[in-house]
Amino acid sequence: CHRVLTLALLGGFLSDAFFTTYCIYLTSAIIEFTGLLILTVQARIPSLRPPICTSVNRNIACEEVDDGQAAMLFSGLYLVALGVGGIKGSLPPHGAEQFYEHLTQGRKHRSSFFNYYIFCLSCGALIAVTLVVWVEDNKGWQWGFGISTIAILTSIVIFLLGSGTYRIKVPTGSPITTIFKVAAAAICNSLHPRNSTNSTVEIRTNPSSTTESSEEEGHEKGKAEAEIKSEDMKSKNTNMNFHR
């Protein structure tokens, strides 16, 4: 049961972020049908399951399940769980998409849809734990699985008949995706903090560097002025000698 609920979250996420609720429901229903078909075939064919073990003769040991039979059994069970989880996560929002939320009449019809959905879900669960269980105990497991297989196949056919009338909402992304992106960005920023530039670090660690650079610039400037003055004096002396 807890696996089905967990897979329902996965089905809802996929229908919101990547695919439409129509595609997720149809795919999940086919997966559940495949799992139930595997269980029905295994329960029907004796070679695919170990013989029935009775407690009449305690001297005869019961035959163990081989690897192939166990793999077939668990494959069917997990396919059923995957299909049921996808249906639970996609069918309710698909039904809600068929009504206009901005209209009062649409909101009323949507509320009625969910009431009928819960009612039908409860009726199906009641039939499963009463009629189907009685059939499995008295007629055999193959009949119980067969009833479930026929039921899901019928629902797929009915669902496909209304494909032309459905309003299909284009997926716009899931809030879960945004949450994970923000969390990943925060983790990356915490692991790689931004360092100050080298110039800022140098100024903070050595405040006298600015003074030293200013003194060097002043010294070079004074030296250049002295050279200019000496060149002027030389040019004046040259001119005086020329006039003489």
Protein backbone atom coordinates (compact mmCIF):
# COMPACT_ATOMS: atom_id res chain seq x y z
CA CYS A 1 0.00 0.00 0.00
CA HIS A 2 2.78 2.47 0.89
CA ARG A 3 4.50 1.74 -2.44
CA VAL A 4 1.28 2.61 -4.28
CA LEU A 5 1.00 5.93 -2.43
CA THR A 6 4.65 6.74 -3.16
CA LEU A 7 4.19 5.96 -6.85
CA ALA A 8 1.09 8.17 -6.86
CA LEU A 9 3.36 11.11 -6.03
CA LEU A 10 5.58 10.12 -8.95
CA GLY A 11 2.60 9.96 -11.30
CA GLY A 12 1.37 13.39 -10.21
CA PHE A 13 4.83 14.89 -10.65
CA LEU A 14 5.27 13.47 -14.15
CA SER A 15 1.82 14.65 -15.26
CA ASP A 16 2.51 18.18 -13.99
CA ALA A 17 6.09 18.62 -15.16
CA PHE A 18 6.66 16.59 -18.32
CA PHE A 19 3.60 14.75 -19.66
CA THR A 20 -0.15 15.30 -19.75
CA THR A 21 -2.54 13.64 -17.32
CA TYR A 22 -4.11 11.87 -20.30
CA CYS A 23 -0.84 10.17 -21.26
CA ILE A 24 0.07 9.26 -17.68
CA TYR A 25 -3.33 7.73 -16.97
CA LEU A 26 -3.42 5.74 -20.20
CA THR A 27 0.14 4.48 -19.72
CA SER A 28 -0.50 3.57 -16.07
CA ALA A 29 -3.71 1.73 -16.94
CA ILE A 30 -1.91 -0.33 -19.59
CA ILE A 31 0.87 -1.13 -17.09
CA GLU A 32 -1.68 -2.27 -14.50
CA PHE A 33 -3.47 -4.37 -17.12
CA THR A 34 -0.17 -6.02 -18.03
CA GLY A 35 0.58 -6.84 -14.39
CA LEU A 36 -2.88 -8.31 -13.79
CA LEU A 37 -2.61 -10.33 -16.99
CA ILE A 38 0.70 -11.81 -15.81
CA LEU A 39 -0.83 -12.75 -12.46
CA THR A 40 -3.88 -14.27 -14.17
CA VAL A 41 -1.78 -16.38 -16.53
CA GLN A 42 0.45 -17.59 -13.70
CA ALA A 43 -2.53 -18.54 -11.55
CA ARG A 44 -4.19 -20.33 -14.48
CA ILE A 45 -1.26 -22.40 -15.82
CA PRO A 46 -0.01 -25.02 -13.30
CA SER A 47 3.52 -25.17 -14.70
CA LEU A 48 4.07 -21.49 -13.86
CA ARG A 49 3.42 -21.97 -10.14
CA PRO A 50 4.27 -24.58 -7.52
CA PRO A 51 1.62 -27.23 -6.73
CA ILE A 52 -0.85 -26.59 -3.95
CA CYS A 53 0.64 -27.55 -0.60
CA THR A 54 -1.77 -29.22 1.84
CA SER A 55 -1.23 -30.24 5.43
CA VAL A 56 -2.90 -33.67 5.05
CA ASN A 57 0.32 -35.61 4.65
CA ARG A 58 3.07 -34.05 6.77
CA ASN A 59 5.66 -36.53 5.47
CA ILE A 60 5.64 -34.92 2.01
CA ALA A 61 7.54 -31.64 1.87
CA CYS A 62 6.01 -28.74 -0.03
CA GLU A 63 7.71 -27.78 -3.26
CA GLU A 64 9.54 -24.47 -3.17
CA VAL A 65 9.03 -21.71 -5.70
CA ASP A 66 11.81 -21.54 -8.27
CA ASP A 67 13.46 -18.33 -9.41
CA GLY A 68 11.47 -18.00 -12.62
CA GLN A 69 8.13 -18.39 -10.87
CA ALA A 70 9.10 -15.89 -8.19
CA ALA A 71 10.31 -13.40 -10.80
CA MET A 72 7.02 -13.69 -12.68
CA LEU A 73 5.00 -13.22 -9.51
CA PHE A 74 6.87 -10.14 -8.30
CA SER A 75 6.93 -8.65 -11.80
CA GLY A 76 3.15 -8.81 -11.93
CA LEU A 77 2.76 -7.38 -8.43
CA TYR A 78 5.11 -4.46 -9.02
CA LEU A 79 3.54 -3.67 -12.38
CA VAL A 80 0.14 -3.52 -10.70
CA ALA A 81 1.53 -1.24 -7.98
CA LEU A 82 3.15 1.02 -10.58
CA GLY A 83 -0.05 1.23 -12.61
CA VAL A 84 -2.29 1.93 -9.62
CA GLY A 85 0.11 4.64 -8.40
CA GLY A 86 0.11 6.36 -11.78
CA ILE A 87 -3.68 6.24 -11.99
CA LYS A 88 -4.11 7.70 -8.51
CA GLY A 89 -1.74 10.54 -9.37
CA SER A 90 -3.17 11.42 -12.79
CA LEU A 91 -6.89 10.59 -12.92
CA PRO A 92 -8.15 13.18 -10.33
CA PRO A 93 -6.30 16.13 -11.94
CA HIS A 94 -7.38 14.93 -15.39
CA GLY A 95 -11.00 15.09 -14.26
CA ALA A 96 -10.47 18.53 -12.72
CA GLU A 97 -9.09 19.83 -16.04
CA GLN A 98 -12.43 19.21 -17.75
CA PHE A 99 -14.15 22.06 -15.88
CA TYR A 100 -13.68 25.83 -16.09
CA GLU A 101 -12.38 27.01 -12.74
CA HIS A 102 -13.22 30.70 -13.34
CA LEU A 103 -16.94 29.92 -13.74
CA THR A 104 -19.24 29.24 -10.79
CA GLN A 105 -20.96 26.41 -12.63
CA GLY A 106 -17.59 24.88 -13.49
CA ARG A 107 -16.50 24.87 -9.85
CA LYS A 108 -19.76 23.18 -8.84
CA HIS A 109 -19.35 20.51 -11.51
CA ARG A 110 -15.78 19.92 -10.42
CA SER A 111 -16.89 19.39 -6.82
CA SER A 112 -19.53 16.94 -8.04
CA PHE A 113 -16.90 15.08 -10.05
CA PHE A 114 -14.72 14.53 -6.98
CA ASN A 115 -17.74 13.38 -4.96
CA TYR A 116 -18.61 10.79 -7.63
CA TYR A 117 -14.94 9.82 -7.93
CA ILE A 118 -14.61 9.07 -4.22
CA PHE A 119 -17.95 7.25 -4.23
CA CYS A 120 -16.96 5.02 -7.16
CA LEU A 121 -13.55 4.39 -5.58
CA SER A 122 -15.22 3.26 -2.35
CA CYS A 123 -17.66 1.03 -4.24
CA GLY A 124 -14.80 -0.58 -6.14
CA ALA A 125 -12.90 -1.23 -2.91
CA LEU A 126 -16.03 -2.75 -1.35
CA ILE A 127 -16.54 -5.10 -4.29
CA ALA A 128 -12.84 -6.04 -4.24
CA VAL A 129 -12.80 -7.07 -0.56
CA THR A 130 -16.12 -8.94 -0.74
CA LEU A 131 -17.08 -10.39 -4.13
CA VAL A 132 -13.58 -10.78 -5.58
CA VAL A 133 -12.23 -12.30 -2.37
CA TRP A 134 -15.13 -14.78 -2.27
CA VAL A 135 -14.46 -15.77 -5.89
CA GLU A 136 -10.74 -16.26 -5.17
CA ASP A 137 -11.46 -18.45 -2.13
CA ASN A 138 -14.13 -20.60 -3.76
CA LYS A 139 -13.33 -20.60 -7.49
CA GLY A 140 -9.58 -19.97 -7.60
CA TRP A 141 -7.09 -17.14 -7.81
CA GLN A 142 -7.23 -17.13 -11.60
CA TRP A 143 -10.88 -16.04 -11.48
CA GLY A 144 -10.17 -13.20 -9.06
CA PHE A 145 -7.28 -11.90 -11.14
CA GLY A 146 -9.34 -12.43 -14.29
CA ILE A 147 -12.17 -10.23 -13.00
CA SER A 148 -9.69 -7.47 -12.17
CA THR A 149 -8.06 -7.79 -15.60
CA ILE A 150 -11.39 -7.50 -17.41
CA ALA A 151 -12.35 -4.50 -15.27
CA ILE A 152 -9.20 -2.50 -16.04
CA LEU A 153 -9.40 -3.43 -19.75
CA THR A 154 -13.01 -2.20 -19.87
CA SER A 155 -12.02 1.07 -18.22
CA ILE A 156 -9.26 1.61 -20.82
CA VAL A 157 -11.72 1.10 -23.69
CA ILE A 158 -14.28 3.49 -22.15
CA PHE A 159 -11.58 6.08 -21.49
CA LEU A 160 -10.36 5.92 -25.09
CA LEU A 161 -13.90 6.38 -26.44
CA GLY A 162 -14.02 9.87 -24.94
CA SER A 163 -10.57 10.96 -26.14
CA GLY A 164 -12.01 13.42 -28.67
CA THR A 165 -13.94 15.36 -26.02
CA TYR A 166 -11.26 15.77 -23.33
CA ARG A 167 -9.68 19.10 -22.45
CA ILE A 168 -5.96 18.36 -22.14
CA LYS A 169 -3.84 20.85 -20.23
CA VAL A 170 -0.28 21.38 -21.41
CA PRO A 171 2.21 20.71 -18.55
CA THR A 172 3.80 23.94 -17.31
CA GLY A 173 6.17 22.52 -14.72
CA SER A 174 5.87 21.29 -11.18
CA PRO A 175 6.51 23.32 -8.00
CA ILE A 176 8.67 20.43 -6.82
CA THR A 177 11.09 21.12 -9.70
CA THR A 178 11.42 24.77 -8.67
CA ILE A 179 12.01 23.80 -5.04
CA PHE A 180 14.80 21.39 -6.00
CA LYS A 181 16.43 23.99 -8.27
CA VAL A 182 16.45 26.59 -5.48
CA ALA A 183 17.83 24.06 -2.99
CA ALA A 184 20.56 22.96 -5.42
CA ALA A 185 21.58 26.58 -6.08
CA ALA A 186 21.74 27.30 -2.34
CA ILE A 187 23.91 24.24 -1.73
CA CYS A 188 26.28 25.18 -4.56
CA ASN A 189 26.62 28.73 -3.24
CA SER A 190 27.35 27.47 0.27
CA LEU A 191 30.03 25.06 -0.99
CA HIS A 192 31.70 27.64 -3.25
CA PRO A 193 31.56 31.05 -1.51
CA ARG A 194 32.57 34.09 -3.51
CA ASN A 195 36.09 35.35 -2.64
CA SER A 196 37.09 39.02 -2.60
CA THR A 197 39.28 40.33 -5.42
CA ASN A 198 43.04 40.37 -5.02
CA SER A 199 43.17 44.14 -4.96
CA THR A 200 40.67 44.34 -2.11
CA VAL A 201 42.50 41.69 -0.13
CA GLU A 202 45.81 43.47 -0.71
CA ILE A 203 44.41 46.80 0.48
CA ARG A 204 42.91 45.18 3.58
CA THR A 205 46.02 43.22 4.49
CA ASN A 206 48.63 45.95 3.61
CA PRO A 207 47.20 49.46 4.08
CA SER A 208 50.65 51.09 3.58
CA SER A 209 50.84 49.88 -0.02
CA THR A 210 48.90 52.93 -1.20
CA THR A 211 51.29 55.33 0.60
CA GLU A 212 54.36 53.60 -0.78
CA SER A 213 53.04 53.74 -4.32
CA SER A 214 52.26 57.46 -3.92
CA GLU A 215 55.80 58.18 -2.67
CA GLU A 216 57.29 56.30 -5.61
CA GLU A 217 55.17 58.25 -8.05
CA GLY A 218 56.24 61.56 -6.42
CA HIS A 219 59.91 60.62 -6.55
CA GLU A 220 59.68 59.71 -10.23
CA LYS A 221 57.82 62.93 -10.97
CA GLY A 222 60.50 65.03 -9.20
CA LYS A 223 63.25 63.24 -11.05
CA ALA A 224 61.55 63.93 -14.37
CA GLU A 225 61.18 67.64 -13.53
CA ALA A 226 64.89 67.87 -12.60
CA GLU A 227 65.85 66.32 -15.91
CA ILE A 228 63.66 68.82 -17.76
CA LYS A 229 65.26 71.75 -15.89
CA SER A 230 68.77 70.53 -16.65
CA GLU A 231 67.91 70.21 -20.33
CA ASP A 232 66.53 73.77 -20.31
CA MET A 233 69.73 75.08 -18.71
CA LYS A 234 71.83 73.30 -21.32
CA SER A 235 69.75 74.76 -24.14
CA LYS A 236 70.12 78.29 -22.67
CA ASN A 237 73.89 77.95 -22.40
CA THR A 238 74.05 76.74 -25.97
CA ASN A 239 72.08 79.75 -27.19
CA MET A 240 74.31 82.20 -25.28
CA ASN A 241 77.45 80.69 -26.74
CA PHE A 242 75.96 80.86 -30.21
CA HIS A 243 75.17 84.60 -29.90
CA ARG A 244 78.69 85.33 -28.68
